[in-house]
C-alpha atoms as a PDB file:
ATOM      1  CA  MET A   1      12.411 -17.238   3.290  1.00  0.00           C
ATOM      2  CA  ALA A   2      10.098 -20.067   2.228  1.00  0.00           C
ATOM      3  CA  ARG A   3       7.487 -17.606   0.929  1.00  0.00           C
ATOM      4  CA  VAL A   4      10.297 -15.720  -1.186  1.00  0.00           C
ATOM      5  CA  SER A   5      11.471 -19.131  -2.761  1.00  0.00           C
ATOM      6  CA  GLN A   6       7.954 -19.914  -3.599  1.00  0.00           C
ATOM      7  CA  ASP A   7       7.426 -16.663  -5.447  1.00  0.00           C
ATOM      8  CA  VAL A   8       4.460 -15.708  -2.974  1.00  0.00           C
ATOM      9  CA  LEU A   9       6.560 -12.704  -1.529  1.00  0.00           C
ATOM     10  CA  ASP A  10       8.686 -10.256  -3.580  1.00  0.00           C
ATOM     11  CA  PRO A  11      11.062  -8.665  -1.331  1.00  0.00           C
ATOM     12  CA  ARG A  12      12.236  -6.258  -4.379  1.00  0.00           C
ATOM     13  CA  ALA A  13       8.590  -5.066  -4.916  1.00  0.00           C
ATOM     14  CA  SER A  14       7.988  -1.320  -5.739  1.00  0.00           C
ATOM     15  CA  PRO A  15       4.530  -0.317  -4.483  1.00  0.00           C
ATOM     16  CA  THR A  16       2.619   2.417  -6.301  1.00  0.00           C
ATOM     17  CA  LEU A  17      -0.327   4.563  -5.405  1.00  0.00           C
ATOM     18  CA  THR A  18      -3.002   5.405  -7.806  1.00  0.00           C
ATOM     19  CA  ASN A  19      -5.524   8.045  -6.992  1.00  0.00           C
ATOM     20  CA  ILE A  20      -9.005   6.716  -8.170  1.00  0.00           C
ATOM     21  CA  THR A  21     -10.815   9.941  -7.137  1.00  0.00           C
ATOM     22  CA  PRO A  22      -9.638  13.249  -5.405  1.00  0.00           C
ATOM     23  CA  VAL A  23     -10.344  11.585  -2.156  1.00  0.00           C
ATOM     24  CA  VAL A  24      -9.523   8.126  -2.759  1.00  0.00           C
ATOM     25  CA  ALA A  25      -6.417   6.106  -3.678  1.00  0.00           C
ATOM     26  CA  ARG A  26      -5.402   2.526  -4.015  1.00  0.00           C
ATOM     27  CA  ALA A  27      -1.990   1.264  -3.336  1.00  0.00           C
ATOM     28  CA  ASP A  28      -0.668  -1.887  -5.465  1.00  0.00           C
ATOM     29  CA  ALA A  29       1.877  -3.701  -3.160  1.00  0.00           C
ATOM     30  CA  GLY A  30       3.262  -5.722  -5.657  1.00  0.00           C
ATOM     31  CA  ASN A  31       3.309  -8.655  -3.196  1.00  0.00           C
ATOM     32  CA  ASP A  32       5.562  -6.998  -1.008  1.00  0.00           C
ATOM     33  CA  PRO A  33       5.489  -7.733   2.826  1.00  0.00           C
ATOM     34  CA  GLY A  34       2.962  -5.011   3.305  1.00  0.00           C
ATOM     35  CA  PHE A  35       4.639  -2.314   5.361  1.00  0.00           C
ATOM     36  CA  LEU A  36       6.202  -0.311   2.813  1.00  0.00           C
ATOM     37  CA  ALA A  37       2.818  -0.180   0.816  1.00  0.00           C
ATOM     38  CA  ALA A  38       0.925   0.609   4.073  1.00  0.00           C
ATOM     39  CA  GLN A  39       3.328   3.592   4.459  1.00  0.00           C
ATOM     40  CA  ILE A  40       2.708   4.845   0.950  1.00  0.00           C
ATOM     41  CA  GLU A  41      -0.997   4.491   1.118  1.00  0.00           C
ATOM     42  CA  MET A  42      -1.255   6.078   4.500  1.00  0.00           C
ATOM     43  CA  SER A  43       0.807   8.961   3.351  1.00  0.00           C
ATOM     44  CA  GLY A  44      -1.432   9.526   0.350  1.00  0.00           C
ATOM     45  CA  ALA A  45      -4.774   9.441   2.431  1.00  0.00           C
ATOM     46  CA  VAL A  46      -3.095  12.085   5.067  1.00  0.00           C
ATOM     47  CA  ALA A  47      -2.233  14.177   2.111  1.00  0.00           C
ATOM     48  CA  MET A  48      -5.664  14.087   0.690  1.00  0.00           C
ATOM     49  CA  ALA A  49      -7.423  14.656   4.024  1.00  0.00           C
ATOM     50  CA  SER A  50      -5.065  17.652   4.584  1.00  0.00           C
ATOM     51  CA  THR A  51      -6.203  19.303   1.286  1.00  0.00           C
ATOM     52  CA  LEU A  52      -9.778  18.147   0.892  1.00  0.00           C
ATOM     53  CA  GLY A  53     -10.763  17.194   4.533  1.00  0.00           C
ATOM     54  CA  ILE A  54     -11.272  13.446   3.842  1.00  0.00           C
ATOM     55  CA  GLY A  55      -8.738  10.679   2.417  1.00  0.00           C
ATOM     56  CA  LEU A  56      -9.269   6.939   1.969  1.00  0.00           C
ATOM     57  CA  ALA A  57      -6.925   4.604   0.698  1.00  0.00           C
ATOM     58  CA  SER A  58      -6.531   0.711   0.318  1.00  0.00           C
ATOM     59  CA  ILE A  59      -3.942  -1.792  -0.510  1.00  0.00           C
ATOM     60  CA  LYS A  60      -4.154  -4.632  -3.100  1.00  0.00           C
ATOM     61  CA  HIS A  61      -1.582  -7.278  -3.755  1.00  0.00           C
ATOM     62  CA  SER A  62      -0.096  -7.301  -0.295  1.00  0.00           C
ATOM     63  CA  LYS A  63       0.835 -10.343   1.404  1.00  0.00           C
ATOM     64  CA  ASP A  64       0.963  -9.057   4.978  1.00  0.00           C
ATOM     65  CA  THR A  65       0.035  -5.614   6.503  1.00  0.00           C
ATOM     66  CA  THR A  66      -0.256  -6.767  10.177  1.00  0.00           C
ATOM     67  CA  SER A  67       3.270  -5.352  10.934  1.00  0.00           C
ATOM     68  CA  ALA A  68       2.056  -2.121   9.753  1.00  0.00           C
ATOM     69  CA  ILE A  69      -0.816  -1.767  12.248  1.00  0.00           C
END
């Protein structure tokens, strides 16, 4: 809770996924805990890979993705 009260972590963040190229996407976590952004970026990478054979995705502005691994 300390990270939330210090505005380091935003529990109400709404991550977004932006396609950079047809096979590369980037998720902006909006300072969320990380697991929701990881799910969004992985779904995007899998969708690209199923269509084009390869899909790469990264996450920015995430505070912790270890729970998604």
